[in-house]
Amino acid sequence: MPAKRREPLPPTQIEARWGPRHETAEQVRDRLVAMLRGLAKLHPMFRTWHDLRKVCAGSRLGPVVDPRKPAAVLDLVHRGLMKGNVRPYKPMYCGGYWLSLHNGRLPELARADGSDAVKLSVSAGSTAYHVPNEVRLELTPNSLCFEDADLVAQIMVTLAACWGPVLCVDVTAGCYELNLPGVKDEYIVWDRFSPHLGWMVYLPGRRYEPAAVPTAEEVRHVGKHDTLVIVQREPVDMSKKSHAARVERAAAELTLFSPWRIEWPRPRGSAAT
């Protein structure tokens, strides 16, 4: 009797986020190089990166981004300076820098099946509330590391060490809709500043004991002040009611919503939380 076919899991994203923070191109370059080197030690699929923006400009895979060549990486960061969307497209320094990379395994770009395909986007150096600072790794469901909870946890630790975020989170499709608060003004929806919880979350500077998050399957202390909370060992599938309910309970136990709203002042005229 043939084995029962398993339903494909939705895509997952590993995100690190932080509030407005000015950074020079050199500082962004140093953080990016440290992250790429750190990720390369974790898994082979993180060893090669290409500039995805050059792909959009007509190149097949885009030029290789080599962290061993800091001058070239700095040039990449300079080209990612945010610009206005009205001619003559003047530099918008308050918006920081935006970068988009991929590892050469995207099925639409290479003759590959999509296994271990990764997209990496970086938005850093923004001092504007409406331009988020974040690093996002997008993994395909058939990635070889997709169901490796320990590897995903190591990725989060690497992102936190390199970028100093307020929060790192692994989310799957559906988590945004579940965790969005009742107020849906343009700032919250577009910026995605409201926190979300999926498979696991890394909280720098916040110490939780396992008893404080009884819903979570595992609570790890990282260093002296950080906490990694793994909701469950298997990836979260938000189409399953049991998974969604567990995520919602863990989010309530962690009280993820209030600290972000208090720490970041909202623009004048926006809806109250």
C-alpha atoms as a PDB file:
ATOM      1  CA  MET A   1       0.000   0.000   0.000  1.00  0.00           C
ATOM      2  CA  PRO A   2       1.542   3.341  -1.018  1.00  0.00           C
ATOM      3  CA  ALA A   3       2.504   5.701   1.786  1.00  0.00           C
ATOM      4  CA  LYS A   4       0.111   8.517   2.501  1.00  0.00           C
ATOM      5  CA  ARG A   5       1.206  11.673   0.741  1.00  0.00           C
ATOM      6  CA  ARG A   6       2.148  14.436   3.128  1.00  0.00           C
ATOM      7  CA  GLU A   7       0.602  17.841   2.625  1.00  0.00           C
ATOM      8  CA  PRO A   8       3.230  20.479   1.751  1.00  0.00           C
ATOM      9  CA  LEU A   9       4.051  22.979   4.477  1.00  0.00           C
ATOM     10  CA  PRO A  10       3.723  26.711   3.804  1.00  0.00           C
ATOM     11  CA  PRO A  11       6.864  28.832   3.328  1.00  0.00           C
ATOM     12  CA  THR A  12       8.603  30.042   6.448  1.00  0.00           C
ATOM     13  CA  GLN A  13      10.475  33.234   7.231  1.00  0.00           C
ATOM     14  CA  ILE A  14      13.100  33.872   9.867  1.00  0.00           C
ATOM     15  CA  GLU A  15      13.026  37.551  10.734  1.00  0.00           C
ATOM     16  CA  ALA A  16      15.013  39.887  12.962  1.00  0.00           C
ATOM     17  CA  ARG A  17      13.480  43.314  13.660  1.00  0.00           C
ATOM     18  CA  TRP A  18      14.428  46.470  15.471  1.00  0.00           C
ATOM     19  CA  GLY A  19      13.280  50.053  15.747  1.00  0.00           C
ATOM     20  CA  PRO A  20      14.670  53.204  14.083  1.00  0.00           C
ATOM     21  CA  ARG A  21      18.474  53.175  14.305  1.00  0.00           C
ATOM     22  CA  HIS A  22      20.941  55.253  12.296  1.00  0.00           C
ATOM     23  CA  GLU A  23      23.852  53.321  10.805  1.00  0.00           C
ATOM     24  CA  THR A  24      26.492  54.229   8.244  1.00  0.00           C
ATOM     25  CA  ALA A  25      27.111  52.168   5.124  1.00  0.00           C
ATOM     26  CA  GLU A  26      30.285  50.828   6.735  1.00  0.00           C
ATOM     27  CA  GLN A  27      28.383  49.676   9.810  1.00  0.00           C
ATOM     28  CA  VAL A  28      25.762  47.935   7.675  1.00  0.00           C
ATOM     29  CA  ARG A  29      28.562  46.320   5.645  1.00  0.00           C
ATOM     30  CA  ASP A  30      30.264  45.011   8.777  1.00  0.00           C
ATOM     31  CA  ARG A  31      27.035  43.541  10.135  1.00  0.00           C
ATOM     32  CA  LEU A  32      26.179  41.967   6.770  1.00  0.00           C
ATOM     33  CA  VAL A  33      29.643  40.408   6.387  1.00  0.00           C
ATOM     34  CA  ALA A  34      29.506  39.005   9.929  1.00  0.00           C
ATOM     35  CA  MET A  35      26.064  37.508   9.256  1.00  0.00           C
ATOM     36  CA  LEU A  36      27.048  35.900   5.937  1.00  0.00           C
ATOM     37  CA  ARG A  37      30.153  34.393   7.504  1.00  0.00           C
ATOM     38  CA  GLY A  38      28.175  33.132  10.481  1.00  0.00           C
ATOM     39  CA  LEU A  39      25.447  31.582   8.328  1.00  0.00           C
ATOM     40  CA  ALA A  40      28.017  29.882   6.082  1.00  0.00           C
ATOM     41  CA  LYS A  41      29.249  27.928   9.107  1.00  0.00           C
ATOM     42  CA  LEU A  42      25.768  26.585   9.811  1.00  0.00           C
ATOM     43  CA  HIS A  43      24.763  25.029   6.486  1.00  0.00           C
ATOM     44  CA  PRO A  44      26.159  24.705   2.913  1.00  0.00           C
ATOM     45  CA  MET A  45      23.133  26.440   1.413  1.00  0.00           C
ATOM     46  CA  PHE A  46      24.305  29.700   3.046  1.00  0.00           C
ATOM     47  CA  ARG A  47      27.779  29.684   1.470  1.00  0.00           C
ATOM     48  CA  THR A  48      26.965  31.377  -1.854  1.00  0.00           C
ATOM     49  CA  TRP A  49      24.954  34.549  -2.367  1.00  0.00           C
ATOM     50  CA  HIS A  50      23.921  36.576  -5.422  1.00  0.00           C
ATOM     51  CA  ASP A  51      22.518  40.098  -5.761  1.00  0.00           C
ATOM     52  CA  LEU A  52      18.816  39.591  -6.497  1.00  0.00           C
ATOM     53  CA  ARG A  53      18.349  43.196  -7.671  1.00  0.00           C
ATOM     54  CA  LYS A  54      20.727  42.541 -10.565  1.00  0.00           C
ATOM     55  CA  VAL A  55      18.566  39.561 -11.520  1.00  0.00           C
ATOM     56  CA  CYS A  56      15.627  41.928 -11.872  1.00  0.00           C
ATOM     57  CA  ALA A  57      17.844  44.074 -14.108  1.00  0.00           C
ATOM     58  CA  GLY A  58      18.394  41.183 -16.530  1.00  0.00           C
ATOM     59  CA  SER A  59      21.289  39.151 -15.143  1.00  0.00           C
ATOM     60  CA  ARG A  60      20.631  35.415 -14.854  1.00  0.00           C
ATOM     61  CA  LEU A  61      21.726  34.788 -11.281  1.00  0.00           C
ATOM     62  CA  GLY A  62      23.177  38.177 -10.394  1.00  0.00           C
ATOM     63  CA  PRO A  63      26.770  38.879  -9.329  1.00  0.00           C
ATOM     64  CA  VAL A  64      28.211  36.880  -6.457  1.00  0.00           C
ATOM     65  CA  VAL A  65      28.289  38.638  -3.086  1.00  0.00           C
ATOM     66  CA  ASP A  66      31.516  37.506  -1.422  1.00  0.00           C
ATOM     67  CA  PRO A  67      31.926  38.429   2.276  1.00  0.00           C
ATOM     68  CA  ARG A  68      35.693  37.976   1.843  1.00  0.00           C
ATOM     69  CA  LYS A  69      35.689  41.122  -0.311  1.00  0.00           C
ATOM     70  CA  PRO A  70      34.535  43.916   2.047  1.00  0.00           C
ATOM     71  CA  ALA A  71      35.093  46.658  -0.544  1.00  0.00           C
ATOM     72  CA  ALA A  72      32.679  44.963  -2.965  1.00  0.00           C
ATOM     73  CA  VAL A  73      30.135  44.442  -0.194  1.00  0.00           C
ATOM     74  CA  LEU A  74      30.403  48.113   0.749  1.00  0.00           C
ATOM     75  CA  ASP A  75      29.684  49.062  -2.870  1.00  0.00           C
ATOM     76  CA  LEU A  76      26.623  46.795  -2.736  1.00  0.00           C
ATOM     77  CA  VAL A  77      25.407  48.595   0.390  1.00  0.00           C
ATOM     78  CA  HIS A  78      25.942  52.042  -1.157  1.00  0.00           C
ATOM     79  CA  ARG A  79      23.861  50.997  -4.171  1.00  0.00           C
ATOM     80  CA  GLY A  80      21.117  49.968  -1.779  1.00  0.00           C
ATOM     81  CA  LEU A  81      20.650  53.467  -0.359  1.00  0.00           C
ATOM     82  CA  MET A  82      16.929  54.189  -0.221  1.00  0.00           C
ATOM     83  CA  LYS A  83      15.704  56.731  -2.774  1.00  0.00           C
ATOM     84  CA  GLY A  84      12.490  58.645  -3.190  1.00  0.00           C
ATOM     85  CA  ASN A  85       9.860  57.309  -5.582  1.00  0.00           C
ATOM     86  CA  VAL A  86       9.459  60.604  -7.468  1.00  0.00           C
ATOM     87  CA  ARG A  87      11.889  61.879 -10.096  1.00  0.00           C
ATOM     88  CA  PRO A  88      14.744  62.724  -9.842  1.00  0.00           C
ATOM     89  CA  TYR A  89      14.803  59.922  -7.189  1.00  0.00           C
ATOM     90  CA  LYS A  90      16.917  61.773  -4.651  1.00  0.00           C
ATOM     91  CA  PRO A  91      18.625  59.777  -1.867  1.00  0.00           C
ATOM     92  CA  MET A  92      16.439  59.312   1.192  1.00  0.00           C
ATOM     93  CA  TYR A  93      19.058  58.958   3.919  1.00  0.00           C
ATOM     94  CA  CYS A  94      16.505  58.555   6.685  1.00  0.00           C
ATOM     95  CA  GLY A  95      15.320  55.383   4.938  1.00  0.00           C
ATOM     96  CA  GLY A  96      18.649  53.595   5.328  1.00  0.00           C
ATOM     97  CA  TYR A  97      19.811  50.824   3.015  1.00  0.00           C
ATOM     98  CA  TRP A  98      17.935  47.974   1.355  1.00  0.00           C
ATOM     99  CA  LEU A  99      19.559  44.783   0.023  1.00  0.00           C
ATOM    100  CA  SER A 100      18.132  41.643  -1.546  1.00  0.00           C
ATOM    101  CA  LEU A 101      20.147  38.448  -2.048  1.00  0.00           C
ATOM    102  CA  HIS A 102      19.508  34.825  -2.984  1.00  0.00           C
ATOM    103  CA  ASN A 103      21.622  31.685  -2.803  1.00  0.00           C
ATOM    104  CA  GLY A 104      21.369  30.658  -6.464  1.00  0.00           C
ATOM    105  CA  ARG A 105      18.900  27.820  -5.873  1.00  0.00           C
ATOM    106  CA  LEU A 106      15.650  29.569  -6.806  1.00  0.00           C
ATOM    107  CA  PRO A 107      13.828  27.334  -9.309  1.00  0.00           C
ATOM    108  CA  GLU A 108      12.728  30.317 -11.411  1.00  0.00           C
ATOM    109  CA  LEU A 109      16.372  31.377 -11.886  1.00  0.00           C
ATOM    110  CA  ALA A 110      18.405  28.165 -11.887  1.00  0.00           C
ATOM    111  CA  ARG A 111      17.855  24.632 -13.076  1.00  0.00           C
ATOM    112  CA  ALA A 112      17.050  23.465  -9.584  1.00  0.00           C
ATOM    113  CA  ASP A 113      14.148  21.848  -7.796  1.00  0.00           C
ATOM    114  CA  GLY A 114      13.984  24.595  -5.214  1.00  0.00           C
ATOM    115  CA  SER A 115      15.466  22.535  -2.398  1.00  0.00           C
ATOM    116  CA  ASP A 116      17.576  24.731  -0.140  1.00  0.00           C
ATOM    117  CA  ALA A 117      16.409  27.856  -1.990  1.00  0.00           C
ATOM    118  CA  VAL A 118      16.808  30.944   0.192  1.00  0.00           C
ATOM    119  CA  LYS A 119      16.070  34.636  -0.227  1.00  0.00           C
ATOM    120  CA  LEU A 120      17.683  37.173   2.076  1.00  0.00           C
ATOM    121  CA  SER A 121      16.487  40.762   2.425  1.00  0.00           C
ATOM    122  CA  VAL A 122      18.077  43.415   4.611  1.00  0.00           C
ATOM    123  CA  SER A 123      16.701  46.833   5.536  1.00  0.00           C
ATOM    124  CA  ALA A 124      19.025  48.658   7.932  1.00  0.00           C
ATOM    125  CA  GLY A 125      20.007  52.156   8.977  1.00  0.00           C
ATOM    126  CA  SER A 126      16.508  53.589   8.813  1.00  0.00           C
ATOM    127  CA  THR A 127      15.576  56.355  11.233  1.00  0.00           C
ATOM    128  CA  ALA A 128      12.078  56.719   9.744  1.00  0.00           C
ATOM    129  CA  TYR A 129       9.159  55.056  11.469  1.00  0.00           C
ATOM    130  CA  HIS A 130       7.502  54.074   8.180  1.00  0.00           C
ATOM    131  CA  VAL A 131      10.631  52.252   6.857  1.00  0.00           C
ATOM    132  CA  PRO A 132      11.208  49.117   8.956  1.00  0.00           C
ATOM    133  CA  ASN A 133      14.613  47.815   9.987  1.00  0.00           C
ATOM    134  CA  GLU A 134      14.685  44.066   9.537  1.00  0.00           C
ATOM    135  CA  VAL A 135      16.567  41.065   8.202  1.00  0.00           C
ATOM    136  CA  ARG A 136      14.474  38.331   6.626  1.00  0.00           C
ATOM    137  CA  LEU A 137      15.443  34.837   5.480  1.00  0.00           C
ATOM    138  CA  GLU A 138      12.791  33.152   3.335  1.00  0.00           C
ATOM    139  CA  LEU A 139      13.032  29.350   3.229  1.00  0.00           C
ATOM    140  CA  THR A 140      11.111  27.057   0.909  1.00  0.00           C
ATOM    141  CA  PRO A 141       9.081  24.211   2.461  1.00  0.00           C
ATOM    142  CA  ASN A 142      11.270  21.560   0.774  1.00  0.00           C
ATOM    143  CA  SER A 143      14.461  23.055   2.156  1.00  0.00           C
ATOM    144  CA  LEU A 144      16.612  20.364   3.710  1.00  0.00           C
ATOM    145  CA  CYS A 145      16.850  22.354   6.959  1.00  0.00           C
ATOM    146  CA  PHE A 146      13.211  23.396   7.059  1.00  0.00           C
ATOM    147  CA  GLU A 147      12.254  20.961   9.811  1.00  0.00           C
ATOM    148  CA  ASP A 148      15.520  21.166  11.765  1.00  0.00           C
ATOM    149  CA  ALA A 149      14.535  23.107  14.883  1.00  0.00           C
ATOM    150  CA  ASP A 150      18.084  23.234  16.217  1.00  0.00           C
ATOM    151  CA  LEU A 151      19.451  24.705  12.971  1.00  0.00           C
ATOM    152  CA  VAL A 152      16.704  27.336  12.844  1.00  0.00           C
ATOM    153  CA  ALA A 153      17.524  28.229  16.445  1.00  0.00           C
ATOM    154  CA  GLN A 154      21.205  28.654  15.510  1.00  0.00           C
ATOM    155  CA  ILE A 155      20.203  30.910  12.613  1.00  0.00           C
ATOM    156  CA  MET A 156      18.245  33.108  15.024  1.00  0.00           C
ATOM    157  CA  VAL A 157      21.184  33.347  17.407  1.00  0.00           C
ATOM    158  CA  THR A 158      23.432  34.369  14.497  1.00  0.00           C
ATOM    159  CA  LEU A 159      21.035  37.077  13.319  1.00  0.00           C
ATOM    160  CA  ALA A 160      20.680  38.440  16.846  1.00  0.00           C
ATOM    161  CA  ALA A 161      24.449  38.535  17.395  1.00  0.00           C
ATOM    162  CA  CYS A 162      25.060  40.421  14.140  1.00  0.00           C
ATOM    163  CA  TRP A 163      22.180  42.916  14.068  1.00  0.00           C
ATOM    164  CA  GLY A 164      21.190  43.546  17.684  1.00  0.00           C
ATOM    165  CA  PRO A 165      17.439  43.283  17.074  1.00  0.00           C
ATOM    166  CA  VAL A 166      14.585  43.638  19.523  1.00  0.00           C
ATOM    167  CA  LEU A 167      13.135  40.326  18.409  1.00  0.00           C
ATOM    168  CA  CYS A 168      13.873  37.342  16.114  1.00  0.00           C
ATOM    169  CA  VAL A 169      10.966  35.184  15.046  1.00  0.00           C
ATOM    170  CA  ASP A 170      10.275  32.228  12.768  1.00  0.00           C
ATOM    171  CA  VAL A 171       6.874  32.636  11.154  1.00  0.00           C
ATOM    172  CA  THR A 172       4.903  30.677   8.581  1.00  0.00           C
ATOM    173  CA  ALA A 173       2.140  31.820   6.284  1.00  0.00           C
ATOM    174  CA  GLY A 174      -0.895  32.694   8.372  1.00  0.00           C
ATOM    175  CA  CYS A 175       0.928  33.938  11.472  1.00  0.00           C
ATOM    176  CA  TYR A 176       0.595  37.568  10.392  1.00  0.00           C
ATOM    177  CA  GLU A 177      -3.176  37.325  10.163  1.00  0.00           C
ATOM    178  CA  LEU A 178      -3.419  35.510  13.484  1.00  0.00           C
ATOM    179  CA  ASN A 179      -1.292  37.914  15.504  1.00  0.00           C
ATOM    180  CA  LEU A 180      -2.270  41.245  14.013  1.00  0.00           C
ATOM    181  CA  PRO A 181      -4.060  43.326  16.647  1.00  0.00           C
ATOM    182  CA  GLY A 182      -7.511  44.779  16.191  1.00  0.00           C
ATOM    183  CA  VAL A 183      -6.141  48.166  15.148  1.00  0.00           C
ATOM    184  CA  LYS A 184      -5.160  47.919  11.464  1.00  0.00           C
ATOM    185  CA  ASP A 185      -4.013  51.388  10.514  1.00  0.00           C
ATOM    186  CA  GLU A 186      -1.520  51.918   7.702  1.00  0.00           C
ATOM    187  CA  TYR A 187       1.535  51.967   9.965  1.00  0.00           C
ATOM    188  CA  ILE A 188       0.916  48.598  11.592  1.00  0.00           C
ATOM    189  CA  VAL A 189      -0.134  46.697   8.476  1.00  0.00           C
ATOM    190  CA  TRP A 190       2.440  48.120   6.067  1.00  0.00           C
ATOM    191  CA  ASP A 191       5.408  48.217   8.455  1.00  0.00           C
ATOM    192  CA  ARG A 192       4.609  44.918  10.147  1.00  0.00           C
ATOM    193  CA  PHE A 193       5.945  46.419  13.373  1.00  0.00           C
ATOM    194  CA  SER A 194       3.479  44.450  15.449  1.00  0.00           C
ATOM    195  CA  PRO A 195       5.207  41.247  16.618  1.00  0.00           C
ATOM    196  CA  HIS A 196       4.149  37.822  15.432  1.00  0.00           C
ATOM    197  CA  LEU A 197       4.856  34.373  16.813  1.00  0.00           C
ATOM    198  CA  GLY A 198       5.210  31.196  14.798  1.00  0.00           C
ATOM    199  CA  TRP A 199       7.450  28.198  15.286  1.00  0.00           C
ATOM    200  CA  MET A 200       9.881  29.887  17.689  1.00  0.00           C
ATOM    201  CA  VAL A 201      11.018  33.297  18.888  1.00  0.00           C
ATOM    202  CA  TYR A 202      14.350  34.695  20.119  1.00  0.00           C
ATOM    203  CA  LEU A 203      14.073  37.523  22.623  1.00  0.00           C
ATOM    204  CA  PRO A 204      17.294  39.489  23.240  1.00  0.00           C
ATOM    205  CA  GLY A 205      17.479  41.121  26.651  1.00  0.00           C
ATOM    206  CA  ARG A 206      14.408  39.320  27.980  1.00  0.00           C
ATOM    207  CA  ARG A 207      14.674  36.422  30.404  1.00  0.00           C
ATOM    208  CA  TYR A 208      11.847  33.897  30.651  1.00  0.00           C
ATOM    209  CA  GLU A 209      11.695  30.809  32.822  1.00  0.00           C
ATOM    210  CA  PRO A 210      10.017  27.667  31.414  1.00  0.00           C
ATOM    211  CA  ALA A 211       7.217  27.994  33.961  1.00  0.00           C
ATOM    212  CA  ALA A 212       6.300  31.404  32.518  1.00  0.00           C
ATOM    213  CA  VAL A 213       5.596  29.886  29.089  1.00  0.00           C
ATOM    214  CA  PRO A 214       3.967  26.512  29.850  1.00  0.00           C
ATOM    215  CA  THR A 215       2.586  26.198  26.314  1.00  0.00           C
ATOM    216  CA  ALA A 216       6.072  26.174  24.758  1.00  0.00           C
ATOM    217  CA  GLU A 217       7.758  22.832  24.269  1.00  0.00           C
ATOM    218  CA  GLU A 218      11.194  24.256  25.070  1.00  0.00           C
ATOM    219  CA  VAL A 219      12.594  27.429  26.630  1.00  0.00           C
ATOM    220  CA  ARG A 220      16.361  27.974  26.316  1.00  0.00           C
ATOM    221  CA  HIS A 221      18.493  30.614  27.996  1.00  0.00           C
ATOM    222  CA  VAL A 222      21.122  32.067  25.635  1.00  0.00           C
ATOM    223  CA  GLY A 223      23.923  33.904  27.362  1.00  0.00           C
ATOM    224  CA  LYS A 224      23.019  35.899  30.471  1.00  0.00           C
ATOM    225  CA  HIS A 225      20.033  37.880  29.236  1.00  0.00           C
ATOM    226  CA  ASP A 226      18.429  36.289  26.139  1.00  0.00           C
ATOM    227  CA  THR A 227      15.725  33.650  25.744  1.00  0.00           C
ATOM    228  CA  LEU A 228      14.825  31.298  22.896  1.00  0.00           C
ATOM    229  CA  VAL A 229      11.261  29.970  23.018  1.00  0.00           C
ATOM    230  CA  ILE A 230      10.389  26.975  20.825  1.00  0.00           C
ATOM    231  CA  VAL A 231       6.625  26.608  20.684  1.00  0.00           C
ATOM    232  CA  GLN A 232       6.854  23.056  19.330  1.00  0.00           C
ATOM    233  CA  ARG A 233       9.544  20.843  17.789  1.00  0.00           C
ATOM    234  CA  GLU A 234       7.802  20.485  14.418  1.00  0.00           C
ATOM    235  CA  PRO A 235       7.255  23.492  12.110  1.00  0.00           C
ATOM    236  CA  VAL A 236       4.026  25.364  12.704  1.00  0.00           C
ATOM    237  CA  ASP A 237       1.289  24.849  10.128  1.00  0.00           C
ATOM    238  CA  MET A 238      -1.287  27.577  10.691  1.00  0.00           C
ATOM    239  CA  SER A 239      -3.906  25.666   8.693  1.00  0.00           C
ATOM    240  CA  LYS A 240      -4.098  23.238  11.623  1.00  0.00           C
ATOM    241  CA  LYS A 241      -6.311  24.479  14.433  1.00  0.00           C
ATOM    242  CA  SER A 242      -4.196  22.822  17.121  1.00  0.00           C
ATOM    243  CA  HIS A 243      -1.051  24.601  15.892  1.00  0.00           C
ATOM    244  CA  ALA A 244      -2.789  27.955  15.615  1.00  0.00           C
ATOM    245  CA  ALA A 245      -4.265  27.639  19.108  1.00  0.00           C
ATOM    246  CA  ARG A 246      -0.902  26.741  20.583  1.00  0.00           C
ATOM    247  CA  VAL A 247       0.796  29.722  18.946  1.00  0.00           C
ATOM    248  CA  GLU A 248      -1.927  32.045  20.200  1.00  0.00           C
ATOM    249  CA  ARG A 249      -1.581  30.767  23.781  1.00  0.00           C
ATOM    250  CA  ALA A 250       2.217  31.121  23.708  1.00  0.00           C
ATOM    251  CA  ALA A 251       1.955  34.669  22.363  1.00  0.00           C
ATOM    252  CA  ALA A 252      -0.370  35.583  25.237  1.00  0.00           C
ATOM    253  CA  GLU A 253       2.015  34.066  27.796  1.00  0.00           C
ATOM    254  CA  LEU A 254       4.955  36.000  26.346  1.00  0.00           C
ATOM    255  CA  THR A 255       2.977  39.282  26.265  1.00  0.00           C
ATOM    256  CA  LEU A 256       4.684  40.104  22.976  1.00  0.00           C
ATOM    257  CA  PHE A 257       2.429  42.975  21.954  1.00  0.00           C
ATOM    258  CA  SER A 258       2.796  45.683  24.591  1.00  0.00           C
ATOM    259  CA  PRO A 259       6.606  46.205  24.726  1.00  0.00           C
ATOM    260  CA  TRP A 260       6.818  47.058  21.038  1.00  0.00           C
ATOM    261  CA  ARG A 261       4.001  49.568  21.178  1.00  0.00           C
ATOM    262  CA  ILE A 262       5.489  51.328  24.201  1.00  0.00           C
ATOM    263  CA  GLU A 263       9.076  51.439  22.966  1.00  0.00           C
ATOM    264  CA  TRP A 264       8.424  52.895  19.519  1.00  0.00           C
ATOM    265  CA  PRO A 265       6.583  56.227  19.454  1.00  0.00           C
ATOM    266  CA  ARG A 266       3.809  56.288  16.909  1.00  0.00           C
ATOM    267  CA  PRO A 267       3.414  59.071  14.332  1.00  0.00           C
ATOM    268  CA  ARG A 268       1.080  61.903  15.257  1.00  0.00           C
ATOM    269  CA  GLY A 269      -2.449  61.253  14.091  1.00  0.00           C
ATOM    270  CA  SER A 270      -2.178  57.426  14.026  1.00  0.00           C
ATOM    271  CA  ALA A 271      -4.673  55.252  15.844  1.00  0.00           C
ATOM    272  CA  ALA A 272      -4.071  54.509  19.502  1.00  0.00           C
ATOM    273  CA  THR A 273      -3.176  51.024  20.639  1.00  0.00           C
END
